[in-house]
């Protein structure tokens, strides 16, 4: 501990990182604490952070705007991959952590810091995501994770510590949910949600939108335009990725879209229950998948679905900065060359309903698929195809008959 003179703290201003500053000062010989808050689109949560960090013992606070990089270099590549963890989780926290970890290293080097500190618990996934990113860019950097060593054993203990050290916190024991918010999603964990038998009280916890019951009785139609798998316009209006995601969050949230109640398998081995709000992300995933159905050939589409499962595991497990993730992204990018077109959707009370899709690269031919009369396909050809395709089944059945006589 005596060797630690200056540390970089991943700082959100939440309960964990708020009390870590005085705890570090007490336990690391009054070391200098440089706080770093990553702006990944969490909005109002950043207001007043600098004053709070300084008052609780930090020497300074960096507020790093990473939102554009987050959307363009982490979110959109994952959407293009179609990566969804365990069929429901759209990876909102997962792909933000590597980006933040990378920036922590950059500031640690700039500040000549001795260590990087994070407030992740020893039970969670984020400790892995942060530390793998740090190892990728500063393999010899010391890492301090107070949750693994301090005397505090629960969030109630943390609140007691905050009160004893006059650390302001914007929650009570009754509203002490563990939350993570960025431009892509908002997660809720803890309290009554720890029991999967409990139905979430959406009217109490939702922040990005409303429950499906409270959504309008009239549907909302939108059209998303993609170029090479990347969303570029909403309802015909070109816009950058950050603006587009924000707009879709507003529209989706208002229509009760994007709620997921999940019991997921954490990397560290336990199951956890979380409720996620991802309104804009849910719309983007759906629209992109619809467009791929007419732009990708069968074999590519099916193989890409297998890749998506592995890609989701890699992102969830914090392995963004790895050769395999880069290789999979290269494969995904090659599949997206023709994923260009428009997708029309109907949003209604939590549902995302297909309302039309077009692409200049479509592989769908009405002439070939028609149930009406056509001159492009001789239906008699199918008999020979079925005979060859079914030959292994027929041979086995014939031989089984002979053996059973």
Protein backbone atom coordinates (compact mmCIF):
# COMPACT_ATOMS: atom_id res chain seq x y z
CA UNK A 1 0.00 0.00 0.00
CA UNK A 2 2.87 2.38 0.72
CA UNK A 3 3.91 2.15 -2.93
CA UNK A 4 0.56 3.53 -4.10
CA UNK A 5 0.89 7.31 -4.33
CA UNK A 6 -1.69 8.08 -7.04
CA UNK A 7 -4.63 6.10 -8.36
CA UNK A 8 -7.16 6.46 -11.16
CA UNK A 9 -10.69 5.68 -10.03
CA UNK A 10 -13.48 4.65 -12.40
CA UNK A 11 -16.06 7.03 -10.96
CA UNK A 12 -19.80 7.12 -11.57
CA UNK A 13 -20.91 8.98 -8.48
CA UNK A 14 -23.04 6.02 -7.44
CA UNK A 15 -22.96 4.39 -4.03
CA UNK A 16 -19.90 2.19 -4.59
CA UNK A 17 -17.55 4.73 -6.14
CA UNK A 18 -18.71 7.57 -3.89
CA UNK A 19 -17.49 5.84 -0.74
CA UNK A 20 -14.38 4.39 -2.38
CA UNK A 21 -12.70 7.82 -2.42
CA UNK A 22 -12.61 8.30 1.37
CA UNK A 23 -11.91 4.58 1.83
CA UNK A 24 -8.84 4.85 -0.41
CA UNK A 25 -7.63 7.91 1.49
CA UNK A 26 -7.97 6.01 4.76
CA UNK A 27 -6.38 2.77 3.62
CA UNK A 28 -3.71 3.86 1.15
CA UNK A 29 -1.80 6.48 3.13
CA UNK A 30 -3.84 9.41 1.88
CA UNK A 31 -2.94 8.63 -1.74
CA UNK A 32 -4.03 11.02 -4.49
CA UNK A 33 -7.28 9.92 -6.12
CA UNK A 34 -7.95 11.07 -9.67
CA UNK A 35 -11.55 10.30 -10.56
CA UNK A 36 -12.62 9.51 -14.12
CA UNK A 37 -16.27 9.61 -15.16
CA UNK A 38 -17.01 8.15 -18.58
CA UNK A 39 -19.87 9.84 -20.39
CA UNK A 40 -21.50 7.03 -22.35
CA UNK A 41 -24.83 8.78 -22.60
CA UNK A 42 -26.14 8.54 -19.04
CA UNK A 43 -27.24 12.17 -19.14
CA UNK A 44 -28.22 13.91 -15.91
CA UNK A 45 -26.27 11.41 -13.78
CA UNK A 46 -23.12 13.42 -14.59
CA UNK A 47 -24.41 16.71 -13.22
CA UNK A 48 -22.68 17.82 -10.03
CA UNK A 49 -20.14 15.00 -10.16
CA UNK A 50 -17.05 17.21 -10.10
CA UNK A 51 -18.10 19.05 -6.94
CA UNK A 52 -19.04 15.77 -5.28
CA UNK A 53 -15.78 14.04 -6.21
CA UNK A 54 -13.63 16.92 -4.96
CA UNK A 55 -15.60 17.26 -1.71
CA UNK A 56 -15.17 13.58 -0.92
CA UNK A 57 -11.40 13.67 -1.45
CA UNK A 58 -10.53 13.41 -5.16
CA UNK A 59 -7.85 15.75 -6.47
CA UNK A 60 -9.63 16.18 -9.80
CA UNK A 61 -12.31 14.67 -12.02
CA UNK A 62 -12.06 13.87 -15.70
CA UNK A 63 -15.39 13.68 -17.52
CA UNK A 64 -14.69 11.88 -20.78
CA UNK A 65 -17.28 12.05 -23.56
CA UNK A 66 -17.14 8.56 -25.09
CA UNK A 67 -20.71 8.43 -26.41
CA UNK A 68 -19.94 8.69 -30.13
CA UNK A 69 -17.18 6.09 -29.93
CA UNK A 70 -19.45 3.87 -27.84
CA UNK A 71 -22.25 3.93 -30.42
CA UNK A 72 -20.14 3.66 -33.56
CA UNK A 73 -17.34 1.32 -32.47
CA UNK A 74 -19.05 -0.93 -29.91
CA UNK A 75 -22.85 -0.83 -30.21
CA UNK A 76 -23.25 -0.89 -33.99
CA UNK A 77 -20.69 -3.69 -34.56
CA UNK A 78 -22.58 -5.80 -32.01
CA UNK A 79 -25.93 -5.05 -33.64
CA UNK A 80 -24.48 -6.01 -37.03
CA UNK A 81 -23.37 -9.30 -35.49
CA UNK A 82 -26.89 -9.90 -34.16
CA UNK A 83 -25.32 -10.79 -30.81
CA UNK A 84 -27.83 -11.31 -27.99
CA UNK A 85 -26.82 -12.96 -24.72
CA UNK A 86 -29.11 -15.84 -23.72
CA UNK A 87 -31.76 -14.76 -26.22
CA UNK A 88 -32.74 -11.58 -24.37
CA UNK A 89 -29.90 -9.41 -23.06
CA UNK A 90 -28.76 -6.76 -25.54
CA UNK A 91 -25.41 -6.35 -23.76
CA UNK A 92 -25.92 -2.77 -22.60
CA UNK A 93 -23.43 -2.84 -19.73
CA UNK A 94 -21.16 -5.44 -21.31
CA UNK A 95 -19.76 -3.49 -24.24
CA UNK A 96 -19.49 -0.20 -22.35
CA UNK A 97 -16.95 -1.53 -19.85
CA UNK A 98 -14.11 -2.34 -22.28
CA UNK A 99 -14.35 1.16 -23.75
CA UNK A 100 -14.22 2.73 -20.29
CA UNK A 101 -11.35 0.47 -19.25
CA UNK A 102 -9.36 1.53 -22.30
CA UNK A 103 -9.83 5.21 -21.43
CA UNK A 104 -8.87 4.59 -17.78
CA UNK A 105 -5.54 3.23 -18.97
CA UNK A 106 -4.94 6.24 -21.21
CA UNK A 107 -5.53 8.63 -18.31
CA UNK A 108 -3.49 6.48 -15.91
CA UNK A 109 -0.53 6.75 -18.26
CA UNK A 110 -1.04 10.47 -18.68
CA UNK A 111 -1.20 10.98 -14.89
CA UNK A 112 1.65 8.54 -14.13
CA UNK A 113 -0.66 6.70 -11.76
CA UNK A 114 0.41 3.66 -9.76
CA UNK A 115 -2.90 1.81 -9.98
CA UNK A 116 -6.41 1.79 -11.39
CA UNK A 117 -9.37 1.34 -9.03
CA UNK A 118 -12.87 0.11 -9.81
CA UNK A 119 -15.96 -0.36 -7.65
CA UNK A 120 -17.16 -3.68 -9.04
CA UNK A 121 -18.22 -6.40 -6.64
CA UNK A 122 -16.45 -9.74 -6.50
CA UNK A 123 -19.68 -11.43 -7.57
CA UNK A 124 -20.24 -9.53 -10.79
CA UNK A 125 -19.22 -9.52 -14.44
CA UNK A 126 -17.95 -5.95 -14.58
CA UNK A 127 -14.78 -6.68 -12.61
CA UNK A 128 -13.75 -9.04 -15.42
CA UNK A 129 -14.70 -6.63 -18.19
CA UNK A 130 -12.75 -3.73 -16.70
CA UNK A 131 -9.70 -5.76 -15.82
CA UNK A 132 -9.42 -7.56 -19.16
CA UNK A 133 -9.45 -4.17 -20.89
CA UNK A 134 -6.80 -2.85 -18.52
CA UNK A 135 -4.64 -5.93 -19.15
CA UNK A 136 -4.98 -5.42 -22.90
CA UNK A 137 -3.49 -1.91 -22.77
CA UNK A 138 -1.42 -1.88 -19.55
CA UNK A 139 -0.52 -5.47 -18.69
CA UNK A 140 1.60 -4.48 -15.69
CA UNK A 141 -0.80 -1.94 -14.18
CA UNK A 142 -1.82 -2.60 -10.57
CA UNK A 143 -5.55 -2.95 -10.05
CA UNK A 144 -7.36 -2.21 -6.78
CA UNK A 145 -10.84 -3.66 -6.24
CA UNK A 146 -12.04 -2.61 -2.75
CA UNK A 147 -15.05 -4.95 -2.78
CA UNK A 148 -12.65 -7.89 -2.56
CA UNK A 149 -10.86 -6.65 0.53
CA UNK A 150 -12.81 -4.11 2.53
CA UNK A 151 -14.88 -4.75 5.61
CA UNK A 152 -18.17 -3.75 3.96
CA UNK A 153 -20.31 -6.76 3.13
CA UNK A 154 -23.53 -5.27 1.72
CA UNK A 155 -25.08 -2.17 0.23
CA UNK A 156 -26.57 -1.42 3.65
CA UNK A 157 -23.02 -1.40 5.03
CA UNK A 158 -22.05 0.99 2.25
CA UNK A 159 -24.87 3.37 3.15
CA UNK A 160 -23.76 3.27 6.79
CA UNK A 161 -20.21 4.12 5.69
CA UNK A 162 -21.46 6.97 3.50
CA UNK A 163 -23.48 8.44 6.36
CA UNK A 164 -20.55 8.14 8.77
CA UNK A 165 -18.22 9.93 6.35
CA UNK A 166 -20.72 12.58 5.19
CA UNK A 167 -20.71 11.29 1.63
CA UNK A 168 -23.88 12.46 -0.17
CA UNK A 169 -25.78 9.67 -1.94
CA UNK A 170 -28.90 10.03 -4.06
CA UNK A 171 -30.75 6.97 -2.76
CA UNK A 172 -32.31 5.45 0.32
CA UNK A 173 -32.36 1.93 1.69
CA UNK A 174 -35.82 1.50 0.11
CA UNK A 175 -34.72 2.66 -3.38
CA UNK A 176 -31.30 1.06 -3.24
CA UNK A 177 -31.48 -0.72 -6.60
CA UNK A 178 -28.21 -1.37 -8.37
CA UNK A 179 -28.52 0.45 -11.69
CA UNK A 180 -26.40 1.02 -14.75
CA UNK A 181 -27.43 3.58 -17.34
CA UNK A 182 -25.99 4.60 -20.68
CA UNK A 183 -27.31 5.71 -24.07
CA UNK A 184 -28.21 2.10 -24.90
CA UNK A 185 -29.98 0.83 -21.80
CA UNK A 186 -30.83 1.01 -18.11
CA UNK A 187 -30.47 -2.04 -15.86
CA UNK A 188 -32.14 -2.66 -12.50
CA UNK A 189 -30.95 -5.24 -9.95
CA UNK A 190 -31.32 -5.86 -6.23
CA UNK A 191 -34.01 -5.44 -3.55
CA UNK A 192 -37.29 -7.17 -4.50
CA UNK A 193 -35.87 -8.08 -7.92
CA UNK A 194 -33.46 -10.55 -6.31
CA UNK A 195 -36.37 -12.99 -5.97
CA UNK A 196 -37.43 -14.22 -9.44
CA UNK A 197 -40.88 -14.96 -8.02
CA UNK A 198 -41.56 -11.22 -7.70
CA UNK A 199 -43.13 -9.38 -10.62
CA UNK A 200 -41.26 -6.12 -11.29
CA UNK A 201 -43.13 -2.97 -10.25
CA UNK A 202 -42.66 -1.25 -13.60
CA UNK A 203 -44.56 1.83 -12.53
CA UNK A 204 -41.92 2.34 -9.81
CA UNK A 205 -38.68 1.47 -11.58
CA UNK A 206 -39.02 2.48 -15.24
CA UNK A 207 -37.11 5.57 -16.36
CA UNK A 208 -36.67 5.28 -20.14
CA UNK A 209 -40.30 4.63 -20.96
CA UNK A 210 -43.64 3.25 -19.82
CA UNK A 211 -45.04 -0.23 -19.34
CA UNK A 212 -46.97 -1.72 -22.28
CA UNK A 213 -50.22 -1.19 -20.35
CA UNK A 214 -49.52 2.55 -20.16
CA UNK A 215 -48.50 2.88 -23.82
CA UNK A 216 -50.84 4.62 -26.30
CA UNK A 217 -53.77 2.72 -27.79
CA UNK A 218 -52.70 3.89 -31.26
CA UNK A 219 -49.65 2.31 -32.97
CA UNK A 220 -46.60 4.28 -34.06
CA UNK A 221 -45.04 3.60 -37.48
CA UNK A 222 -41.37 4.21 -38.15
CA UNK A 223 -38.98 3.50 -41.03
CA UNK A 224 -35.30 2.77 -40.42
CA UNK A 225 -32.74 2.97 -43.21
CA UNK A 226 -29.49 0.97 -43.17
CA UNK A 227 -26.30 1.14 -45.18
CA UNK A 228 -24.04 -1.92 -44.95
CA UNK A 229 -25.72 -2.96 -41.73
CA UNK A 230 -25.42 0.42 -40.04
CA UNK A 231 -28.56 2.48 -39.29
CA UNK A 232 -28.27 5.88 -40.99
CA UNK A 233 -31.75 7.42 -41.12
CA UNK A 234 -35.07 7.49 -39.30
CA UNK A 235 -38.25 8.22 -41.25
CA UNK A 236 -36.16 9.43 -44.16
CA UNK A 237 -34.09 11.85 -42.08
CA UNK A 238 -30.36 11.23 -42.09
CA UNK A 239 -28.80 11.40 -38.62
CA UNK A 240 -25.68 10.35 -36.76
CA UNK A 241 -25.67 7.25 -34.58
CA UNK A 242 -25.95 9.04 -31.24
CA UNK A 243 -28.94 11.10 -32.35
CA UNK A 244 -30.59 8.05 -33.90
CA UNK A 245 -30.31 5.93 -30.76
CA UNK A 246 -31.65 8.76 -28.61
CA UNK A 247 -34.64 9.26 -30.94
CA UNK A 248 -35.42 5.55 -30.95
CA UNK A 249 -35.20 5.46 -27.15
CA UNK A 250 -37.84 8.19 -26.97
CA UNK A 251 -40.15 6.55 -29.50
CA UNK A 252 -39.66 3.02 -28.19
CA UNK A 253 -39.97 4.05 -24.56
CA UNK A 254 -43.23 5.87 -25.21
CA UNK A 255 -44.64 2.68 -26.75
CA UNK A 256 -43.55 0.34 -23.94
CA UNK A 257 -40.92 -1.34 -26.12
CA UNK A 258 -37.70 -2.97 -24.94
CA UNK A 259 -38.41 -4.39 -21.47
CA UNK A 260 -36.59 -7.59 -20.56
CA UNK A 261 -36.91 -9.48 -17.28
CA UNK A 262 -34.05 -11.98 -17.21
CA UNK A 263 -32.46 -14.57 -14.97
CA UNK A 264 -29.03 -14.74 -16.60
CA UNK A 265 -25.92 -16.81 -16.08
CA UNK A 266 -23.09 -14.59 -14.90
CA UNK A 267 -19.55 -15.30 -15.99
CA UNK A 268 -18.47 -15.92 -12.39
CA UNK A 269 -20.84 -18.88 -12.09
CA UNK A 270 -24.03 -17.72 -10.40
CA UNK A 271 -27.40 -16.78 -11.77
CA UNK A 272 -28.70 -13.25 -11.30
CA UNK A 273 -32.00 -11.54 -12.01
CA UNK A 274 -32.14 -8.21 -13.78
CA UNK A 275 -34.70 -6.01 -15.45
CA UNK A 276 -33.45 -4.14 -18.50
CA UNK A 277 -34.84 -1.20 -20.44
CA UNK A 278 -33.49 -1.09 -24.00
CA UNK A 279 -36.17 0.61 -26.12
CA UNK A 280 -34.10 1.95 -29.01
CA UNK A 281 -31.79 -1.04 -29.03
CA UNK A 282 -34.66 -3.50 -29.28
CA UNK A 283 -35.99 -1.65 -32.31
CA UNK A 284 -32.58 -1.59 -34.00
CA UNK A 285 -31.95 -5.29 -33.45
CA UNK A 286 -35.38 -6.17 -34.81
CA UNK A 287 -35.07 -3.95 -37.87
CA UNK A 288 -31.58 -5.19 -38.70
CA UNK A 289 -32.66 -8.82 -38.44
CA UNK A 290 -35.64 -8.19 -40.72
CA UNK A 291 -33.42 -6.56 -43.34
CA UNK A 292 -30.98 -9.47 -43.27
CA UNK A 293 -33.79 -11.92 -44.09
CA UNK A 294 -33.97 -10.51 -47.62
CA UNK A 295 -30.32 -9.50 -48.09
CA UNK A 296 -28.39 -12.59 -46.95
CA UNK A 297 -28.36 -15.98 -48.63
CA UNK A 298 -29.50 -18.96 -46.58
CA UNK A 299 -26.08 -20.42 -45.77
CA UNK A 300 -24.58 -17.08 -44.73
CA UNK A 301 -27.63 -16.18 -42.68
CA UNK A 302 -27.65 -19.50 -40.83
CA UNK A 303 -23.90 -19.54 -40.20
CA UNK A 304 -24.01 -15.95 -39.01
CA UNK A 305 -26.57 -16.99 -36.40
CA UNK A 306 -24.01 -19.41 -34.97
CA UNK A 307 -21.37 -16.66 -34.95
CA UNK A 308 -23.82 -14.38 -33.13
CA UNK A 309 -23.97 -16.77 -30.17
CA UNK A 310 -20.20 -16.78 -29.77
CA UNK A 311 -19.98 -13.03 -30.34
CA UNK A 312 -22.51 -12.46 -27.55
CA UNK A 313 -20.52 -14.65 -25.14
CA UNK A 314 -17.31 -12.79 -25.99
CA UNK A 315 -18.90 -9.38 -25.38
CA UNK A 316 -20.64 -10.52 -22.18
CA UNK A 317 -17.39 -11.97 -20.85
CA UNK A 318 -15.41 -8.79 -21.45
CA UNK A 319 -13.24 -10.20 -24.24
CA UNK A 320 -13.70 -7.29 -26.62
CA UNK A 321 -10.00 -6.64 -27.10
CA UNK A 322 -9.13 -10.12 -28.33
CA UNK A 323 -8.05 -11.55 -31.69
CA UNK A 324 -11.18 -13.70 -31.87
CA UNK A 325 -13.57 -10.78 -31.44
CA UNK A 326 -11.69 -8.84 -34.11
CA UNK A 327 -11.79 -11.83 -36.46
CA UNK A 328 -15.51 -12.35 -35.91
CA UNK A 329 -16.14 -8.64 -36.54
CA UNK A 330 -14.24 -8.94 -39.82
CA UNK A 331 -16.50 -11.83 -40.82
CA UNK A 332 -19.60 -9.89 -39.80
CA UNK A 333 -18.49 -6.82 -41.79
CA UNK A 334 -18.07 -8.95 -44.91
CA UNK A 335 -21.65 -10.20 -44.55
CA UNK A 336 -22.98 -6.66 -44.27
CA UNK A 337 -21.86 -5.42 -47.70
CA UNK A 338 -25.38 -5.87 -49.08
CA UNK A 339 -27.39 -5.23 -45.89
CA UNK A 340 -28.74 -1.93 -47.18
CA UNK A 341 -32.38 -0.91 -47.33
CA UNK A 342 -35.45 0.31 -45.46
CA UNK A 343 -37.43 -1.43 -42.73
CA UNK A 344 -40.87 -0.25 -41.70
CA UNK A 345 -42.08 -1.20 -38.23
CA UNK A 346 -45.25 -0.81 -36.20
CA UNK A 347 -44.75 -0.18 -32.47
CA UNK A 348 -47.73 -1.01 -30.31
CA UNK A 349 -47.93 -1.62 -26.56
CA UNK A 350 -44.52 -3.23 -26.18
CA UNK A 351 -44.61 -5.04 -29.52
CA UNK A 352 -42.40 -4.49 -32.56
CA UNK A 353 -44.36 -5.62 -35.62
CA UNK A 354 -43.05 -5.94 -39.17
CA UNK A 355 -44.70 -3.53 -41.60
CA UNK A 356 -42.55 -3.88 -44.73
CA UNK A 357 -38.95 -4.23 -45.90
CA UNK A 358 -37.15 -3.25 -49.13
CA UNK A 359 -33.57 -3.41 -50.36
CA UNK A 360 -31.76 -2.81 -53.67
CA UNK A 361 -29.87 -6.03 -52.86
CA UNK A 362 -32.90 -8.17 -52.05
CA UNK A 363 -32.64 -11.89 -52.74
CA UNK A 364 -36.39 -12.33 -52.57
CA UNK A 365 -38.08 -12.85 -55.93
CA UNK A 366 -41.84 -12.67 -56.01
CA UNK A 367 -41.74 -14.27 -59.46
CA UNK A 368 -40.02 -17.38 -58.09
CA UNK A 369 -41.92 -17.55 -54.81
CA UNK A 370 -45.37 -16.84 -56.23
CA UNK A 371 -48.27 -19.23 -55.69
CA UNK A 372 -49.65 -17.96 -58.97
CA UNK A 373 -48.78 -19.11 -62.46
CA UNK A 374 -45.15 -18.61 -63.45
CA UNK A 375 -42.65 -19.64 -66.12
CA UNK A 376 -39.50 -19.66 -63.99
CA UNK A 377 -39.83 -22.90 -62.06
CA UNK A 378 -40.89 -26.37 -63.18
CA UNK A 379 -42.56 -27.90 -60.16
CA UNK A 380 -41.91 -31.39 -61.56
CA UNK A 381 -38.21 -30.81 -60.85
CA UNK A 382 -38.92 -31.10 -57.13
CA UNK A 383 -39.62 -34.83 -57.36
CA UNK A 384 -36.05 -35.62 -58.42
CA UNK A 385 -34.68 -33.27 -55.78
CA UNK A 386 -36.68 -34.98 -53.03
CA UNK A 387 -35.57 -38.44 -54.23
CA UNK A 388 -31.89 -37.43 -53.95
CA UNK A 389 -32.30 -35.43 -50.75
CA UNK A 390 -34.19 -38.29 -49.11
CA UNK A 391 -31.96 -41.07 -50.44
CA UNK A 392 -30.10 -41.69 -47.13
CA UNK A 393 -33.41 -42.02 -45.30
CA UNK A 394 -34.76 -44.43 -47.92
CA UNK A 395 -31.61 -46.58 -47.95
CA UNK A 396 -31.60 -46.89 -44.16
CA UNK A 397 -35.28 -47.84 -44.12
CA UNK A 398 -34.78 -50.51 -46.82
CA UNK A 399 -31.81 -52.03 -45.02
CA UNK A 400 -33.66 -51.95 -41.68
CA UNK A 401 -36.53 -53.85 -43.31
CA UNK A 402 -34.12 -56.53 -44.59
CA UNK A 403 -32.47 -56.89 -41.18
CA UNK A 404 -35.79 -57.20 -39.39
CA UNK A 405 -37.15 -59.98 -41.64
